[in-house]
Amino acid sequence: MIPYYLEKYITDVKEKKDSTVGILASSTGNTNLEIYFYGDTVKIKKIPYIVDAEFPCLIVAKDPETNEEFTIFDGMKHGYDAMFCNEPCDDATRELKHYEYYSGKVQIALGYSIDYEDEREEYEFNENGEVILMYGTLDWEQAKSIGFDWLSLKFVDAKKEFVDLELA
């Protein structure tokens, strides 16, 4: 499953029952990307991993040729916990900074171990059939696509993972 907001930004998709893996690319097809983020970095085996700070992390890709930017992950909206468990952070100010350690082709991997269809009766819906989230409402299919329970990002050429988040 591909998150609805990333459908035009993921290529070379490989889907399994519980996961999706692909390569991020701008709308022009450029896979040479720069990463910008809000959060902290924590060194794990000498590699700076992006993690939450005062507020949940926000990760954005930028095509340096066209300056196009797109959101890869917003910890205030994406992932099971943000959607159904965490209280909204209405007053969050999250300024982005450049992830200066690596750039280039980024592989994204998303985990989907929650069976939303089997558990559908456990969720609340509004009169329009939209599922009620902690921060608003969303179409059921779109909600399932962003309800992943883990996220990994890795620079392919450098073979360096820099995001590994458990989201449920």
C-alpha atoms as a PDB file:
ATOM      1  CA  MET A   1       0.000   0.000   0.000  1.00  0.00           C
ATOM      2  CA  ILE A   2       1.307   3.449  -0.868  1.00  0.00           C
ATOM      3  CA  PRO A   3       0.365   6.461   1.265  1.00  0.00           C
ATOM      4  CA  TYR A   4      -2.053   8.540  -0.798  1.00  0.00           C
ATOM      5  CA  TYR A   5       0.028  11.706  -0.432  1.00  0.00           C
ATOM      6  CA  LEU A   6       3.136   9.919  -1.816  1.00  0.00           C
ATOM      7  CA  GLU A   7       1.536   8.168  -4.805  1.00  0.00           C
ATOM      8  CA  LYS A   8       3.274  10.393  -7.375  1.00  0.00           C
ATOM      9  CA  TYR A   9       6.583  10.369  -5.482  1.00  0.00           C
ATOM     10  CA  ILE A  10       7.370   6.643  -5.196  1.00  0.00           C
ATOM     11  CA  THR A  11       8.862   4.524  -7.991  1.00  0.00           C
ATOM     12  CA  ASP A  12      10.101   0.932  -8.212  1.00  0.00           C
ATOM     13  CA  VAL A  13       7.429  -0.158  -5.736  1.00  0.00           C
ATOM     14  CA  LYS A  14       7.559  -3.649  -4.265  1.00  0.00           C
ATOM     15  CA  GLU A  15       4.558  -4.602  -2.167  1.00  0.00           C
ATOM     16  CA  LYS A  16       4.249  -7.559   0.158  1.00  0.00           C
ATOM     17  CA  LYS A  17       1.395  -8.452   2.469  1.00  0.00           C
ATOM     18  CA  ASP A  18       2.624  -6.294   5.366  1.00  0.00           C
ATOM     19  CA  SER A  19       5.074  -3.864   3.759  1.00  0.00           C
ATOM     20  CA  THR A  20       5.771  -1.548   0.864  1.00  0.00           C
ATOM     21  CA  VAL A  21       9.240  -0.592  -0.379  1.00  0.00           C
ATOM     22  CA  GLY A  22      10.068   1.941  -3.068  1.00  0.00           C
ATOM     23  CA  ILE A  23      12.365   4.721  -4.214  1.00  0.00           C
ATOM     24  CA  LEU A  24      11.422   8.364  -3.651  1.00  0.00           C
ATOM     25  CA  ALA A  25      11.482  10.658  -6.684  1.00  0.00           C
ATOM     26  CA  SER A  26      10.321  14.179  -7.461  1.00  0.00           C
ATOM     27  CA  SER A  27       7.488  14.699  -9.937  1.00  0.00           C
ATOM     28  CA  THR A  28      10.120  15.063 -12.679  1.00  0.00           C
ATOM     29  CA  GLY A  29      11.552  11.636 -11.804  1.00  0.00           C
ATOM     30  CA  ASN A  30      14.708  12.917 -10.112  1.00  0.00           C
ATOM     31  CA  THR A  31      15.859  10.513  -7.386  1.00  0.00           C
ATOM     32  CA  ASN A  32      18.805  12.681  -6.298  1.00  0.00           C
ATOM     33  CA  LEU A  33      17.116  14.253  -3.284  1.00  0.00           C
ATOM     34  CA  GLU A  34      18.058  16.370  -0.300  1.00  0.00           C
ATOM     35  CA  ILE A  35      16.363  15.770   3.041  1.00  0.00           C
ATOM     36  CA  TYR A  36      15.067  18.456   5.370  1.00  0.00           C
ATOM     37  CA  PHE A  37      13.595  17.685   8.749  1.00  0.00           C
ATOM     38  CA  TYR A  38      12.264  18.883  12.052  1.00  0.00           C
ATOM     39  CA  GLY A  39      13.462  16.755  14.928  1.00  0.00           C
ATOM     40  CA  ASP A  40      16.682  15.722  16.553  1.00  0.00           C
ATOM     41  CA  THR A  41      19.428  13.405  15.404  1.00  0.00           C
ATOM     42  CA  VAL A  42      20.741  10.560  17.515  1.00  0.00           C
ATOM     43  CA  LYS A  43      23.882   8.706  16.463  1.00  0.00           C
ATOM     44  CA  ILE A  44      23.431   4.959  16.197  1.00  0.00           C
ATOM     45  CA  LYS A  45      26.555   3.152  14.998  1.00  0.00           C
ATOM     46  CA  LYS A  46      27.966   6.563  13.972  1.00  0.00           C
ATOM     47  CA  ILE A  47      24.965   7.299  11.711  1.00  0.00           C
ATOM     48  CA  PRO A  48      22.746  10.286  12.621  1.00  0.00           C
ATOM     49  CA  TYR A  49      19.141   9.030  12.790  1.00  0.00           C
ATOM     50  CA  ILE A  50      16.235  11.475  12.650  1.00  0.00           C
ATOM     51  CA  VAL A  51      13.994  11.211  15.724  1.00  0.00           C
ATOM     52  CA  ASP A  52      11.271  13.242  17.401  1.00  0.00           C
ATOM     53  CA  ALA A  53      12.156  16.386  19.318  1.00  0.00           C
ATOM     54  CA  GLU A  54       9.757  18.493  21.399  1.00  0.00           C
ATOM     55  CA  PHE A  55       7.125  17.717  18.753  1.00  0.00           C
ATOM     56  CA  PRO A  56       6.852  14.770  16.352  1.00  0.00           C
ATOM     57  CA  CYS A  57       9.313  14.813  13.479  1.00  0.00           C
ATOM     58  CA  LEU A  58       8.586  16.123  10.013  1.00  0.00           C
ATOM     59  CA  ILE A  59      10.632  14.886   7.042  1.00  0.00           C
ATOM     60  CA  VAL A  60      10.598  16.572   3.631  1.00  0.00           C
ATOM     61  CA  ALA A  61      12.429  15.756   0.394  1.00  0.00           C
ATOM     62  CA  LYS A  62      13.686  18.439  -1.952  1.00  0.00           C
ATOM     63  CA  ASP A  63      14.691  18.096  -5.580  1.00  0.00           C
ATOM     64  CA  PRO A  64      17.794  20.352  -5.810  1.00  0.00           C
ATOM     65  CA  GLU A  65      17.307  20.800  -9.576  1.00  0.00           C
ATOM     66  CA  THR A  66      13.731  22.139  -9.445  1.00  0.00           C
ATOM     67  CA  ASN A  67      13.404  23.107  -5.758  1.00  0.00           C
ATOM     68  CA  GLU A  68      10.237  20.985  -5.591  1.00  0.00           C
ATOM     69  CA  GLU A  69       9.533  19.813  -2.057  1.00  0.00           C
ATOM     70  CA  PHE A  70       7.247  17.061  -0.822  1.00  0.00           C
ATOM     71  CA  THR A  71       6.476  15.644   2.590  1.00  0.00           C
ATOM     72  CA  ILE A  72       7.760  12.147   3.219  1.00  0.00           C
ATOM     73  CA  PHE A  73       6.511  11.847   6.790  1.00  0.00           C
ATOM     74  CA  ASP A  74       4.665  14.051   9.258  1.00  0.00           C
ATOM     75  CA  GLY A  75       4.662  12.556  12.743  1.00  0.00           C
ATOM     76  CA  MET A  76       1.658  14.688  13.666  1.00  0.00           C
ATOM     77  CA  LYS A  77      -0.531  13.118  10.951  1.00  0.00           C
ATOM     78  CA  HIS A  78       0.977   9.901   9.590  1.00  0.00           C
ATOM     79  CA  GLY A  79       1.218   6.535  11.287  1.00  0.00           C
ATOM     80  CA  TYR A  80      -1.192   4.702  13.548  1.00  0.00           C
ATOM     81  CA  ASP A  81      -0.316   6.503  16.811  1.00  0.00           C
ATOM     82  CA  ALA A  82      -0.659   9.994  15.302  1.00  0.00           C
ATOM     83  CA  MET A  83      -3.997   9.070  13.779  1.00  0.00           C
ATOM     84  CA  PHE A  84      -5.632   7.268  16.700  1.00  0.00           C
ATOM     85  CA  CYS A  85      -3.621   7.684  19.931  1.00  0.00           C
ATOM     86  CA  ASN A  86      -1.549  10.865  20.264  1.00  0.00           C
ATOM     87  CA  GLU A  87      -3.108  14.163  21.239  1.00  0.00           C
ATOM     88  CA  PRO A  88      -2.864  16.829  18.510  1.00  0.00           C
ATOM     89  CA  CYS A  89      -0.089  19.428  18.832  1.00  0.00           C
ATOM     90  CA  ASP A  90      -1.989  22.504  17.685  1.00  0.00           C
ATOM     91  CA  ASP A  91       0.694  24.956  18.799  1.00  0.00           C
ATOM     92  CA  ALA A  92       3.649  23.100  17.263  1.00  0.00           C
ATOM     93  CA  THR A  93       6.252  25.163  15.450  1.00  0.00           C
ATOM     94  CA  ARG A  94       8.541  22.913  13.465  1.00  0.00           C
ATOM     95  CA  GLU A  95      11.302  24.626  11.514  1.00  0.00           C
ATOM     96  CA  LEU A  96      13.079  22.431   9.000  1.00  0.00           C
ATOM     97  CA  LYS A  97      16.835  21.993   8.853  1.00  0.00           C
ATOM     98  CA  HIS A  98      18.964  20.314   6.204  1.00  0.00           C
ATOM     99  CA  TYR A  99      20.081  16.730   6.821  1.00  0.00           C
ATOM    100  CA  GLU A 100      23.649  17.420   5.780  1.00  0.00           C
ATOM    101  CA  TYR A 101      25.203  13.992   6.307  1.00  0.00           C
ATOM    102  CA  TYR A 102      23.997  12.333   3.085  1.00  0.00           C
ATOM    103  CA  SER A 103      21.873  13.040   0.009  1.00  0.00           C
ATOM    104  CA  GLY A 104      20.871  11.108  -3.071  1.00  0.00           C
ATOM    105  CA  LYS A 105      18.549   8.207  -3.851  1.00  0.00           C
ATOM    106  CA  VAL A 106      16.282   7.394  -0.888  1.00  0.00           C
ATOM    107  CA  GLN A 107      14.552   4.082  -0.301  1.00  0.00           C
ATOM    108  CA  ILE A 108      11.346   4.188   1.744  1.00  0.00           C
ATOM    109  CA  ALA A 109       9.936   1.155   3.531  1.00  0.00           C
ATOM    110  CA  LEU A 110       6.550   1.169   5.262  1.00  0.00           C
ATOM    111  CA  GLY A 111       5.036  -1.505   7.487  1.00  0.00           C
ATOM    112  CA  TYR A 112       1.338  -2.332   7.581  1.00  0.00           C
ATOM    113  CA  SER A 113       0.654  -5.020  10.188  1.00  0.00           C
ATOM    114  CA  ILE A 114      -2.711  -3.634  11.353  1.00  0.00           C
ATOM    115  CA  ASP A 115      -5.687  -5.258   9.620  1.00  0.00           C
ATOM    116  CA  TYR A 116      -7.984  -2.250   9.360  1.00  0.00           C
ATOM    117  CA  GLU A 117     -10.762  -4.120   7.582  1.00  0.00           C
ATOM    118  CA  ASP A 118     -10.979  -6.787  10.299  1.00  0.00           C
ATOM    119  CA  GLU A 119     -11.031  -4.068  12.973  1.00  0.00           C
ATOM    120  CA  ARG A 120     -13.234  -1.565  11.115  1.00  0.00           C
ATOM    121  CA  GLU A 121     -16.014  -1.678  13.736  1.00  0.00           C
ATOM    122  CA  GLU A 122     -13.548  -0.398  16.342  1.00  0.00           C
ATOM    123  CA  TYR A 123     -13.194   2.966  14.578  1.00  0.00           C
ATOM    124  CA  GLU A 124     -15.609   5.880  14.628  1.00  0.00           C
ATOM    125  CA  PHE A 125     -16.991   7.401  11.427  1.00  0.00           C
ATOM    126  CA  ASN A 126     -18.841  10.643  10.740  1.00  0.00           C
ATOM    127  CA  GLU A 127     -22.066  10.990   8.761  1.00  0.00           C
ATOM    128  CA  ASN A 128     -20.062  11.252   5.508  1.00  0.00           C
ATOM    129  CA  GLY A 129     -18.401   7.875   6.077  1.00  0.00           C
ATOM    130  CA  GLU A 130     -15.030   9.401   6.959  1.00  0.00           C
ATOM    131  CA  VAL A 131     -13.026   7.888   9.793  1.00  0.00           C
ATOM    132  CA  ILE A 132     -12.541  10.179  12.798  1.00  0.00           C
ATOM    133  CA  LEU A 133      -8.881  10.725  13.636  1.00  0.00           C
ATOM    134  CA  MET A 134      -7.255  12.521  16.564  1.00  0.00           C
ATOM    135  CA  TYR A 135      -6.817  15.623  14.386  1.00  0.00           C
ATOM    136  CA  GLY A 136      -9.823  15.512  12.026  1.00  0.00           C
ATOM    137  CA  THR A 137     -11.447  13.154   9.545  1.00  0.00           C
ATOM    138  CA  LEU A 138     -10.253  11.338   6.444  1.00  0.00           C
ATOM    139  CA  ASP A 139     -11.549   9.025   3.757  1.00  0.00           C
ATOM    140  CA  TRP A 140     -11.271   5.399   4.953  1.00  0.00           C
ATOM    141  CA  GLU A 141      -8.994   4.256   2.085  1.00  0.00           C
ATOM    142  CA  GLN A 142      -6.714   7.271   2.528  1.00  0.00           C
ATOM    143  CA  ALA A 143      -6.582   6.647   6.280  1.00  0.00           C
ATOM    144  CA  LYS A 144      -5.572   3.022   5.775  1.00  0.00           C
ATOM    145  CA  SER A 145      -2.793   4.140   3.414  1.00  0.00           C
ATOM    146  CA  ILE A 146      -1.214   6.436   6.035  1.00  0.00           C
ATOM    147  CA  GLY A 147      -1.903   4.124   8.980  1.00  0.00           C
ATOM    148  CA  PHE A 148       1.461   2.403   8.712  1.00  0.00           C
ATOM    149  CA  ASP A 149       3.048   1.184  11.930  1.00  0.00           C
ATOM    150  CA  TRP A 150       6.719   1.588  11.007  1.00  0.00           C
ATOM    151  CA  LEU A 151       8.788   3.667   8.625  1.00  0.00           C
ATOM    152  CA  SER A 152      12.365   3.315   7.424  1.00  0.00           C
ATOM    153  CA  LEU A 153      14.352   5.632   5.145  1.00  0.00           C
ATOM    154  CA  LYS A 154      17.751   4.751   3.696  1.00  0.00           C
ATOM    155  CA  PHE A 155      20.193   6.424   1.332  1.00  0.00           C
ATOM    156  CA  VAL A 156      20.685   3.703  -1.282  1.00  0.00           C
ATOM    157  CA  ASP A 157      24.155   4.564  -2.594  1.00  0.00           C
ATOM    158  CA  ALA A 158      25.632   5.163   0.853  1.00  0.00           C
ATOM    159  CA  LYS A 159      23.759   2.131   2.262  1.00  0.00           C
ATOM    160  CA  LYS A 160      22.869   4.251   5.291  1.00  0.00           C
ATOM    161  CA  GLU A 161      19.517   4.042   7.038  1.00  0.00           C
ATOM    162  CA  PHE A 162      18.708   7.368   8.697  1.00  0.00           C
ATOM    163  CA  VAL A 163      15.093   6.926   9.851  1.00  0.00           C
ATOM    164  CA  ASP A 164      13.685   3.910  11.678  1.00  0.00           C
ATOM    165  CA  LEU A 165      10.427   4.767  13.436  1.00  0.00           C
ATOM    166  CA  GLU A 166       7.955   2.546  15.262  1.00  0.00           C
ATOM    167  CA  LEU A 167       4.571   4.220  14.870  1.00  0.00           C
ATOM    168  CA  ALA A 168       2.114   1.961  16.688  1.00  0.00           C
END
